């Protein structure tokens, strides 16, 4: 069912829901035409459906009257709203479960008009998405990206998602790469989306504040891998959970069957990794990627393997990797005249999970000619269990580790650092220095860095602010590095005649 936005009726949306095994009945005039759907009463445009979602601290039904006053012509509700009986209402048991398929129908199934790729996993989603964007663009496919670098949520709520996909179609894009978070899967944000390929990068410790246990977190990630969403899955089986997922999918039959493509490091030969690029031989092709870090080898391999499952000119696509620039905050090299003069490298990375920090520090240690210096922290109001794990990893893998503030979000940053330090074994304790102020921590790392060292500043990556709880301040690790290096130069004693 593919129709441009504005030609869809309330009855068509209800029909789509029933086709998705969601009970739906229409109260009022089902022939009413709609021009999209939104769940945000502040963003209602004339002719749209207003979806009344329920959250932890709000009930969208309470905003229905205001949405109608602002131009909504129909409602998606979990009970009839009697004071709005003149407005068509699609009544379902759970609006959150229904809003995905309803949004797809209301916006005219835009995912069906695009090459649509979905990527999930704990780490690597953003970089893989950026690499895919470069490959597709080089092969002649104007491509949109939905992910961490492109909005307030990694994966937006279903009405916003399908609205964005519809806009991509209108702009002439022919492909989209989408990061799919565990939150999005658990909260039904991508329901109603059709993918050509879905992919699994890896699984690690994260988001237990939402999911409660690693098992529930993995179940959420695994929900993407069904033929309801895509006919093909590309899975990294170097990862233990990826191997389990691939085995599980391969055992399925009938309606749940989907083709499984596995990748692992044995597929590659002649791998060479530097701070600014990596190279290898893959399927009889020499591949050069202008992106440093050993963990990015898997990300580029994943991107290539996905492209190989699509009707895309691989030779043309590979040019995109050769000309690739850095991914903001993902093993991003911050190079200044001062780092060149002093002969050390500074890398900013978003690594904020135990697995992510372990990968980036292990790679930095392989690249460093001398020492690895790490500046890292843990966020407040988030999964506390990972704090001591990250302290232990930094102490083991870095020659010098500085534990500092990340985004405390109102928690006492010294207490967070205390949690981090509690995981540091006694044998490594001398390697770890607590400096609460993040700018001072970065300054110290740059002051002690010498020729041949690699300085890794982890945790915030592309972020340009720091959430203190009481206020949010401007804070971009990359900018701070440049500023502090400049200050260090001016503070150095000058030779006198």
Protein backbone atom coordinates (compact mmCIF):
# COMPACT_ATOMS: atom_id res chain seq x y z
CA UNK A 1 0.00 0.00 0.00
CA UNK A 2 1.92 3.03 -1.26
CA UNK A 3 0.24 6.39 -1.51
CA UNK A 4 1.55 9.93 -1.34
CA UNK A 5 0.76 11.86 1.81
CA UNK A 6 -2.54 13.69 1.51
CA UNK A 7 -4.38 10.92 -0.36
CA UNK A 8 -4.66 8.60 2.65
CA UNK A 9 -7.90 8.35 4.61
CA UNK A 10 -8.66 7.42 8.19
CA UNK A 11 -10.15 4.15 6.95
CA UNK A 12 -6.91 3.30 5.11
CA UNK A 13 -4.90 3.79 8.31
CA UNK A 14 -7.30 1.57 10.24
CA UNK A 15 -7.06 -1.05 7.50
CA UNK A 16 -3.26 -0.99 7.76
CA UNK A 17 -3.46 -1.52 11.52
CA UNK A 18 -5.76 -4.51 11.10
CA UNK A 19 -3.37 -5.93 8.49
CA UNK A 20 -0.67 -5.64 11.18
CA UNK A 21 -2.81 -7.71 13.60
CA UNK A 22 -3.80 -4.64 15.59
CA UNK A 23 -7.48 -4.31 16.41
CA UNK A 24 -8.71 -0.94 15.22
CA UNK A 25 -12.14 0.61 14.87
CA UNK A 26 -13.08 3.96 13.43
CA UNK A 27 -15.48 6.28 15.19
CA UNK A 28 -16.69 9.03 12.90
CA UNK A 29 -16.09 9.73 9.22
CA UNK A 30 -13.55 7.20 7.96
CA UNK A 31 -13.33 8.82 4.53
CA UNK A 32 -11.61 11.88 6.01
CA UNK A 33 -8.34 12.52 4.20
CA UNK A 34 -5.21 13.13 6.21
CA UNK A 35 -1.85 14.75 5.47
CA UNK A 36 0.48 12.97 7.85
CA UNK A 37 0.56 12.19 11.56
CA UNK A 38 2.27 13.59 14.66
CA UNK A 39 2.47 12.72 18.35
CA UNK A 40 3.63 16.21 19.40
CA UNK A 41 0.73 18.55 20.10
CA UNK A 42 3.12 21.51 19.69
CA UNK A 43 3.94 20.47 16.13
CA UNK A 44 0.46 19.74 14.76
CA UNK A 45 -0.12 20.92 11.21
CA UNK A 46 -3.45 21.31 9.48
CA UNK A 47 -4.85 18.02 8.15
CA UNK A 48 -2.80 15.69 10.33
CA UNK A 49 -3.74 12.83 12.65
CA UNK A 50 -2.79 13.43 16.29
CA UNK A 51 -1.52 10.25 17.98
CA UNK A 52 -2.29 10.24 21.70
CA UNK A 53 0.72 8.42 23.19
CA UNK A 54 1.21 7.71 26.87
CA UNK A 55 4.55 8.31 28.59
CA UNK A 56 5.89 8.05 32.12
CA UNK A 57 4.86 11.61 32.96
CA UNK A 58 2.23 12.51 30.36
CA UNK A 59 -0.88 11.27 28.59
CA UNK A 60 -1.30 12.46 25.02
CA UNK A 61 -5.08 12.21 25.31
CA UNK A 62 -4.95 15.28 27.53
CA UNK A 63 -3.62 17.31 24.59
CA UNK A 64 -6.16 16.09 22.03
CA UNK A 65 -8.45 19.11 22.22
CA UNK A 66 -5.56 21.51 21.71
CA UNK A 67 -4.28 19.44 18.78
CA UNK A 68 -7.69 19.58 17.11
CA UNK A 69 -7.87 23.33 17.70
CA UNK A 70 -4.49 23.61 15.92
CA UNK A 71 -5.68 21.72 12.85
CA UNK A 72 -5.66 17.97 13.56
CA UNK A 73 -8.48 16.30 11.60
CA UNK A 74 -8.37 12.85 13.26
CA UNK A 75 -7.09 11.14 16.40
CA UNK A 76 -5.34 7.86 17.23
CA UNK A 77 -6.56 6.95 20.73
CA UNK A 78 -6.82 4.04 23.15
CA UNK A 79 -10.33 5.11 24.19
CA UNK A 80 -12.95 7.36 22.69
CA UNK A 81 -12.62 11.02 23.59
CA UNK A 82 -16.29 12.00 23.98
CA UNK A 83 -15.79 15.77 23.95
CA UNK A 84 -14.33 15.40 20.42
CA UNK A 85 -17.03 13.13 18.99
CA UNK A 86 -17.23 15.18 15.77
CA UNK A 87 -13.57 14.30 14.98
CA UNK A 88 -12.79 10.86 13.45
CA UNK A 89 -11.05 8.65 16.00
CA UNK A 90 -9.11 5.44 15.36
CA UNK A 91 -9.50 3.44 18.57
CA UNK A 92 -6.85 0.82 19.43
CA UNK A 93 -5.77 -0.99 22.59
CA UNK A 94 -2.29 0.57 22.72
CA UNK A 95 -1.45 3.70 20.74
CA UNK A 96 2.30 3.14 21.08
CA UNK A 97 2.04 -0.28 19.42
CA UNK A 98 -0.21 1.14 16.72
CA UNK A 99 1.55 4.42 15.94
CA UNK A 100 4.30 2.86 13.79
CA UNK A 101 2.08 1.18 11.18
CA UNK A 102 -0.32 4.14 11.38
CA UNK A 103 2.54 6.55 10.65
CA UNK A 104 3.78 4.48 7.73
CA UNK A 105 0.29 4.56 6.20
CA UNK A 106 -0.31 8.25 6.96
CA UNK A 107 2.96 9.31 5.34
CA UNK A 108 2.48 7.06 2.30
CA UNK A 109 4.98 4.24 3.12
CA UNK A 110 8.13 6.23 2.35
CA UNK A 111 10.49 3.43 3.41
CA UNK A 112 9.18 1.39 0.47
CA UNK A 113 10.39 4.09 -1.95
CA UNK A 114 13.94 4.11 -0.63
CA UNK A 115 16.81 1.67 -0.26
CA UNK A 116 16.42 1.37 3.49
CA UNK A 117 19.16 0.01 5.77
CA UNK A 118 18.84 -0.47 9.54
CA UNK A 119 21.85 -0.94 11.85
CA UNK A 120 21.71 -1.98 15.50
CA UNK A 121 24.33 -2.95 18.08
CA UNK A 122 25.95 -1.43 21.15
CA UNK A 123 28.91 0.16 19.36
CA UNK A 124 29.69 1.07 15.77
CA UNK A 125 26.25 2.10 14.54
CA UNK A 126 27.14 5.72 13.84
CA UNK A 127 30.42 5.05 12.07
CA UNK A 128 28.95 2.23 9.99
CA UNK A 129 26.07 4.51 9.00
CA UNK A 130 28.48 7.26 7.93
CA UNK A 131 30.54 4.78 5.92
CA UNK A 132 27.41 3.47 4.21
CA UNK A 133 26.41 7.03 3.38
CA UNK A 134 29.78 7.57 1.69
CA UNK A 135 29.53 4.29 -0.24
CA UNK A 136 25.99 4.94 -1.46
CA UNK A 137 26.63 8.56 -2.41
CA UNK A 138 29.73 7.57 -4.39
CA UNK A 139 27.66 4.95 -6.21
CA UNK A 140 25.13 7.58 -7.30
CA UNK A 141 22.46 7.19 -4.59
CA UNK A 142 21.61 10.45 -2.77
CA UNK A 143 21.33 9.18 0.80
CA UNK A 144 19.78 10.37 4.04
CA UNK A 145 20.97 9.38 7.50
CA UNK A 146 18.92 9.00 10.66
CA UNK A 147 21.01 8.56 13.79
CA UNK A 148 22.93 9.94 16.74
CA UNK A 149 24.52 12.81 14.82
CA UNK A 150 21.28 13.91 13.16
CA UNK A 151 18.68 14.49 15.86
CA UNK A 152 17.88 14.54 19.57
CA UNK A 153 17.18 10.78 19.50
CA UNK A 154 19.22 8.10 17.78
CA UNK A 155 15.96 6.77 16.32
CA UNK A 156 13.02 9.22 16.40
CA UNK A 157 9.46 8.41 17.37
CA UNK A 158 7.49 6.75 14.56
CA UNK A 159 5.58 9.84 13.32
CA UNK A 160 8.83 11.84 13.11
CA UNK A 161 10.64 8.90 11.53
CA UNK A 162 8.16 8.44 8.69
CA UNK A 163 7.84 12.19 8.23
CA UNK A 164 11.63 12.35 7.77
CA UNK A 165 11.58 9.45 5.32
CA UNK A 166 8.81 11.19 3.39
CA UNK A 167 10.91 14.36 3.26
CA UNK A 168 13.87 12.36 1.95
CA UNK A 169 11.68 11.05 -0.89
CA UNK A 170 10.50 14.59 -1.69
CA UNK A 171 14.14 15.77 -1.75
CA UNK A 172 15.02 13.16 -4.35
CA UNK A 173 16.99 10.84 -2.11
CA UNK A 174 17.01 7.19 -3.15
CA UNK A 175 18.46 5.62 0.00
CA UNK A 176 18.47 6.00 3.77
CA UNK A 177 20.71 4.58 6.47
CA UNK A 178 19.15 4.35 9.91
CA UNK A 179 20.68 3.68 13.31
CA UNK A 180 18.19 1.56 15.26
CA UNK A 181 18.55 1.88 19.02
CA UNK A 182 17.35 -0.62 21.61
CA UNK A 183 15.04 2.10 22.93
CA UNK A 184 13.45 2.38 19.49
CA UNK A 185 12.89 -1.36 19.30
CA UNK A 186 11.49 -1.62 22.82
CA UNK A 187 9.19 1.37 22.24
CA UNK A 188 7.96 0.31 18.75
CA UNK A 189 9.40 3.37 17.01
CA UNK A 190 10.35 1.52 13.82
CA UNK A 191 7.20 -0.60 13.52
CA UNK A 192 5.79 -0.19 10.02
CA UNK A 193 9.21 0.42 8.46
CA UNK A 194 10.36 -1.83 5.62
CA UNK A 195 14.12 -2.41 5.39
CA UNK A 196 16.11 -3.92 2.54
CA UNK A 197 18.90 -5.01 4.89
CA UNK A 198 19.30 -4.98 8.68
CA UNK A 199 22.64 -5.39 10.44
CA UNK A 200 24.07 -6.27 13.86
CA UNK A 201 27.47 -4.82 14.85
CA UNK A 202 28.09 -6.14 18.38
CA UNK A 203 26.68 -6.38 21.89
CA UNK A 204 28.03 -4.90 25.11
CA UNK A 205 27.11 -3.46 28.48
CA UNK A 206 24.79 -0.47 28.10
CA UNK A 207 21.28 0.89 28.74
CA UNK A 208 20.54 -1.38 31.70
CA UNK A 209 18.80 1.61 33.27
CA UNK A 210 16.06 1.05 30.66
CA UNK A 211 16.14 -2.68 30.00
CA UNK A 212 16.99 -3.93 33.49
CA UNK A 213 19.23 -6.84 32.44
CA UNK A 214 21.66 -7.77 29.64
CA UNK A 215 19.21 -10.48 28.55
CA UNK A 216 16.38 -7.96 28.10
CA UNK A 217 18.75 -5.58 26.31
CA UNK A 218 19.77 -8.33 23.87
CA UNK A 219 16.15 -9.32 23.31
CA UNK A 220 15.40 -5.72 22.36
CA UNK A 221 18.28 -5.66 19.86
CA UNK A 222 17.23 -9.03 18.43
CA UNK A 223 13.70 -7.78 17.69
CA UNK A 224 14.98 -6.13 14.50
CA UNK A 225 15.88 -9.50 12.99
CA UNK A 226 12.64 -10.80 11.59
CA UNK A 227 11.28 -10.98 8.07
CA UNK A 228 8.61 -8.52 9.21
CA UNK A 229 11.32 -5.88 8.92
CA UNK A 230 13.75 -7.18 6.27
CA UNK A 231 14.59 -10.13 4.00
CA UNK A 232 18.34 -9.99 4.70
CA UNK A 233 20.42 -9.73 7.88
CA UNK A 234 24.17 -9.01 7.99
CA UNK A 235 25.64 -10.09 11.34
CA UNK A 236 29.08 -9.84 12.91
CA UNK A 237 29.80 -13.32 14.27
CA UNK A 238 33.15 -12.34 15.78
CA UNK A 239 30.84 -11.08 18.54
CA UNK A 240 29.49 -13.91 20.75
CA UNK A 241 25.98 -12.48 20.80
CA UNK A 242 26.11 -11.94 17.04
CA UNK A 243 27.04 -15.60 16.61
CA UNK A 244 24.12 -16.61 18.84
CA UNK A 245 21.76 -14.37 16.87
CA UNK A 246 22.94 -15.78 13.53
CA UNK A 247 22.51 -19.36 14.76
CA UNK A 248 19.03 -18.59 16.05
CA UNK A 249 17.95 -16.99 12.79
CA UNK A 250 19.39 -19.83 10.70
CA UNK A 251 17.26 -22.30 12.68
CA UNK A 252 14.04 -20.46 11.90
CA UNK A 253 11.72 -21.59 9.13
CA UNK A 254 8.50 -20.46 7.48
CA UNK A 255 7.26 -16.93 7.99
CA UNK A 256 10.20 -16.02 10.24
CA UNK A 257 12.83 -17.02 7.67
CA UNK A 258 15.29 -14.41 6.50
CA UNK A 259 18.59 -14.75 4.72
CA UNK A 260 21.55 -14.46 7.09
CA UNK A 261 24.94 -13.14 5.92
CA UNK A 262 27.72 -13.48 8.47
CA UNK A 263 30.98 -11.56 8.63
CA UNK A 264 34.10 -12.05 10.75
CA UNK A 265 37.75 -11.07 10.76
CA UNK A 266 38.78 -14.19 8.85
CA UNK A 267 37.19 -12.64 5.75
CA UNK A 268 40.02 -10.09 5.61
CA UNK A 269 43.70 -10.30 4.69
CA UNK A 270 46.66 -7.93 4.88
CA UNK A 271 45.07 -5.67 7.47
CA UNK A 272 47.01 -2.50 8.29
CA UNK A 273 45.78 0.12 10.75
CA UNK A 274 46.99 3.63 11.51
CA UNK A 275 45.73 6.63 13.42
CA UNK A 276 44.17 8.17 10.27
CA UNK A 277 43.45 5.23 7.91
CA UNK A 278 43.17 1.46 7.55
CA UNK A 279 43.65 -0.95 4.66
CA UNK A 280 42.87 -4.61 3.94
CA UNK A 281 42.04 -7.08 1.21
CA UNK A 282 38.38 -8.13 1.06
CA UNK A 283 36.84 -10.46 -1.52
CA UNK A 284 39.74 -9.95 -3.93
CA UNK A 285 39.56 -6.18 -3.60
CA UNK A 286 42.12 -3.85 -2.07
CA UNK A 287 40.24 -1.57 0.30
CA UNK A 288 41.57 1.75 1.62
CA UNK A 289 39.50 3.61 4.21
CA UNK A 290 40.47 7.12 5.28
CA UNK A 291 39.54 6.40 8.91
CA UNK A 292 41.86 5.27 11.69
CA UNK A 293 41.40 2.76 14.50
CA UNK A 294 41.38 -1.02 14.43
CA UNK A 295 37.76 -1.28 15.57
CA UNK A 296 36.78 0.66 12.45
CA UNK A 297 37.99 -2.26 10.33
CA UNK A 298 34.86 -4.15 11.36
CA UNK A 299 32.71 -1.08 10.72
CA UNK A 300 33.97 -0.67 7.16
CA UNK A 301 33.73 -4.42 6.54
CA UNK A 302 30.14 -4.32 7.77
CA UNK A 303 29.33 -1.41 5.46
CA UNK A 304 30.86 -3.16 2.45
CA UNK A 305 29.03 -6.40 3.23
CA UNK A 306 25.71 -4.52 3.36
CA UNK A 307 26.43 -2.79 0.04
CA UNK A 308 27.24 -6.18 -1.45
CA UNK A 309 23.63 -7.26 -0.71
CA UNK A 310 22.18 -4.36 -2.69
CA UNK A 311 22.01 -3.52 -6.36
CA UNK A 312 24.84 -1.00 -6.09
CA UNK A 313 27.97 -0.51 -8.21
CA UNK A 314 30.70 -1.67 -5.81
CA UNK A 315 33.59 -0.23 -7.82
CA UNK A 316 32.00 3.21 -7.76
CA UNK A 317 31.06 2.85 -4.10
CA UNK A 318 34.61 2.06 -2.97
CA UNK A 319 35.75 5.52 -4.05
CA UNK A 320 33.61 6.85 -1.21
CA UNK A 321 35.79 5.06 1.36
CA UNK A 322 39.01 6.31 -0.17
CA UNK A 323 37.78 9.89 0.09
CA UNK A 324 36.07 9.44 3.45
CA UNK A 325 36.52 12.10 6.11
CA UNK A 326 36.37 11.61 9.85
CA UNK A 327 33.18 10.78 11.72
CA UNK A 328 32.49 13.48 14.33
CA UNK A 329 33.64 12.18 17.70
CA UNK A 330 34.45 8.66 16.47
CA UNK A 331 38.21 8.09 16.69
CA UNK A 332 38.42 11.65 15.41
CA UNK A 333 41.99 12.87 15.09
CA UNK A 334 42.47 16.38 16.45
CA UNK A 335 45.59 17.62 14.72
CA UNK A 336 47.08 21.04 15.42
CA UNK A 337 50.47 22.63 14.75
CA UNK A 338 51.33 21.87 18.38
CA UNK A 339 50.55 18.13 18.21
CA UNK A 340 52.64 17.93 15.04
CA UNK A 341 55.52 19.87 16.63
CA UNK A 342 55.51 17.71 19.76
CA UNK A 343 54.93 14.48 17.87
CA UNK A 344 51.90 13.04 19.68
CA UNK A 345 48.36 12.26 18.52
CA UNK A 346 45.05 13.26 20.11
CA UNK A 347 41.92 11.26 19.40
CA UNK A 348 38.39 12.16 20.56
CA UNK A 349 35.96 9.25 20.76
CA UNK A 350 32.38 8.74 21.95
CA UNK A 351 33.33 5.51 23.78
CA UNK A 352 31.02 5.55 26.80
CA UNK A 353 30.51 1.84 27.42
CA UNK A 354 32.98 -0.74 28.80
CA UNK A 355 33.25 -2.44 25.41
CA UNK A 356 33.62 0.83 23.55
CA UNK A 357 36.33 2.09 25.89
CA UNK A 358 38.18 -1.22 25.71
CA UNK A 359 38.15 -1.17 21.91
CA UNK A 360 39.39 2.38 21.52
CA UNK A 361 42.14 2.04 24.15
CA UNK A 362 43.30 -1.30 22.75
CA UNK A 363 43.54 0.24 19.29
CA UNK A 364 45.32 3.32 20.60
CA UNK A 365 47.85 1.07 22.35
CA UNK A 366 48.51 -0.77 19.09
CA UNK A 367 49.08 2.50 17.25
CA UNK A 368 51.06 4.33 19.94
CA UNK A 369 54.81 4.27 19.56
CA UNK A 370 55.19 5.07 23.26
CA UNK A 371 52.29 5.49 25.70
CA UNK A 372 48.48 5.64 25.71
CA UNK A 373 47.01 8.44 27.83
CA UNK A 374 43.28 8.24 28.52
CA UNK A 375 40.83 10.88 29.74
CA UNK A 376 37.45 9.29 30.49
CA UNK A 377 34.39 9.46 32.71
CA UNK A 378 30.88 8.11 33.23
CA UNK A 379 27.57 9.90 32.89
CA UNK A 380 25.29 10.66 35.79
CA UNK A 381 21.73 9.33 36.11
CA UNK A 382 22.67 6.36 33.93
CA UNK A 383 23.68 2.72 34.31
CA UNK A 384 25.84 2.68 37.47
CA UNK A 385 27.04 -0.88 36.98
CA UNK A 386 29.36 0.04 34.15
CA UNK A 387 31.33 2.63 36.15
CA UNK A 388 33.76 0.27 37.97
CA UNK A 389 34.07 -1.80 34.79
CA UNK A 390 35.26 1.23 32.87
CA UNK A 391 37.68 2.15 35.65
CA UNK A 392 39.24 -1.30 35.48
CA UNK A 393 39.51 -1.18 31.68
CA UNK A 394 41.13 2.27 31.60
CA UNK A 395 43.62 1.30 34.31
CA UNK A 396 44.59 -1.91 32.52
CA UNK A 397 44.90 -0.55 28.98
CA UNK A 398 46.17 3.01 29.46
CA UNK A 399 49.65 3.89 30.69
CA UNK A 400 48.17 7.05 32.20
CA UNK A 401 44.43 7.28 32.95
CA UNK A 402 42.62 10.40 34.13
CA UNK A 403 39.12 9.86 35.55
CA UNK A 404 37.00 12.98 35.15
CA UNK A 405 33.49 14.32 34.85
CA UNK A 406 31.35 13.42 31.82
CA UNK A 407 27.71 14.58 31.91
CA UNK A 408 26.91 14.37 35.64
CA UNK A 409 23.29 15.46 35.13
CA UNK A 410 22.98 16.63 38.73
CA UNK A 411 24.83 13.74 40.36
CA UNK A 412 27.92 14.61 42.40
CA UNK A 413 30.75 14.10 39.87
CA UNK A 414 33.17 13.18 42.66
CA UNK A 415 30.87 10.35 43.70
CA UNK A 416 30.68 9.15 40.10
CA UNK A 417 34.48 9.17 39.91
CA UNK A 418 34.54 7.28 43.20
CA UNK A 419 32.38 4.57 41.62
CA UNK A 420 34.79 4.46 38.67
CA UNK A 421 37.85 4.17 40.90
CA UNK A 422 36.27 1.38 42.93
CA UNK A 423 36.84 -0.92 39.98
CA UNK A 424 40.57 -0.18 39.64
CA UNK A 425 42.73 -3.09 40.86
CA UNK A 426 45.40 -2.16 43.41
CA UNK A 427 48.18 -3.12 41.02
CA UNK A 428 47.06 -0.41 38.57
CA UNK A 429 45.98 2.27 41.07
CA UNK A 430 49.08 4.41 40.53
CA UNK A 431 48.15 4.78 36.85
CA UNK A 432 44.81 6.48 37.54
CA UNK A 433 44.53 10.14 38.49
CA UNK A 434 41.17 11.71 39.43
CA UNK A 435 40.67 15.26 38.12
CA UNK A 436 37.02 16.25 38.40
CA UNK A 437 37.06 19.31 36.14
CA UNK A 438 37.04 17.98 32.57
CA UNK A 439 38.94 20.93 31.09
CA UNK A 440 41.68 20.55 33.71
CA UNK A 441 41.80 16.82 33.04
CA UNK A 442 42.31 17.40 29.32
CA UNK A 443 44.92 20.08 30.06
CA UNK A 444 46.87 17.67 32.26
CA UNK A 445 46.80 14.92 29.62
CA UNK A 446 48.12 17.29 26.97
CA UNK A 447 50.79 18.65 29.33
CA UNK A 448 52.27 15.22 30.09
CA UNK A 449 51.99 13.91 26.50
CA UNK A 450 55.28 13.36 24.72
CA UNK A 451 56.43 12.34 21.26
CA UNK A 452 55.01 8.95 20.26
CA UNK A 453 52.09 9.09 22.72
CA UNK A 454 48.42 8.76 21.77
CA UNK A 455 45.99 10.76 23.92
CA UNK A 456 42.42 9.40 23.93
CA UNK A 457 39.67 11.69 25.21
CA UNK A 458 36.66 9.41 25.60
CA UNK A 459 33.00 9.62 26.47
CA UNK A 460 31.48 12.70 24.85
CA UNK A 461 32.73 12.47 21.27
CA UNK A 462 30.62 14.70 19.01
CA UNK A 463 28.75 16.38 21.87
CA UNK A 464 29.18 20.13 22.13
CA UNK A 465 27.70 20.65 25.61
CA UNK A 466 28.12 19.26 29.12
CA UNK A 467 25.00 18.54 31.20
CA UNK A 468 25.74 19.50 34.79
CA UNK A 469 22.14 19.09 35.96
CA UNK A 470 21.70 22.63 37.20
CA UNK A 471 22.82 23.96 33.83
CA UNK A 472 24.11 22.88 30.45
CA UNK A 473 27.35 24.53 29.38
CA UNK A 474 29.19 24.72 26.06
CA UNK A 475 31.82 22.00 26.01
CA UNK A 476 33.29 20.38 22.91
CA UNK A 477 36.26 18.11 23.66
CA UNK A 478 37.77 18.87 20.25
CA UNK A 479 37.61 22.62 20.78
CA UNK A 480 38.92 22.28 24.34
CA UNK A 481 41.94 20.33 23.06
CA UNK A 482 42.84 23.13 20.66
CA UNK A 483 42.34 25.82 23.31
CA UNK A 484 44.36 24.01 25.94
CA UNK A 485 47.20 23.25 23.54
CA UNK A 486 47.30 26.95 22.69
CA UNK A 487 47.44 27.84 26.39
CA UNK A 488 50.22 25.32 26.98
CA UNK A 489 52.29 26.89 24.20
CA UNK A 490 51.88 30.35 25.70
CA UNK A 491 52.69 29.07 29.20
CA UNK A 492 55.93 27.44 28.11
CA UNK A 493 59.07 29.29 29.27
CA UNK A 494 60.63 31.26 26.44
CA UNK A 495 64.35 31.21 25.71
CA UNK A 496 66.07 34.46 26.61
CA UNK A 497 69.05 35.92 24.79
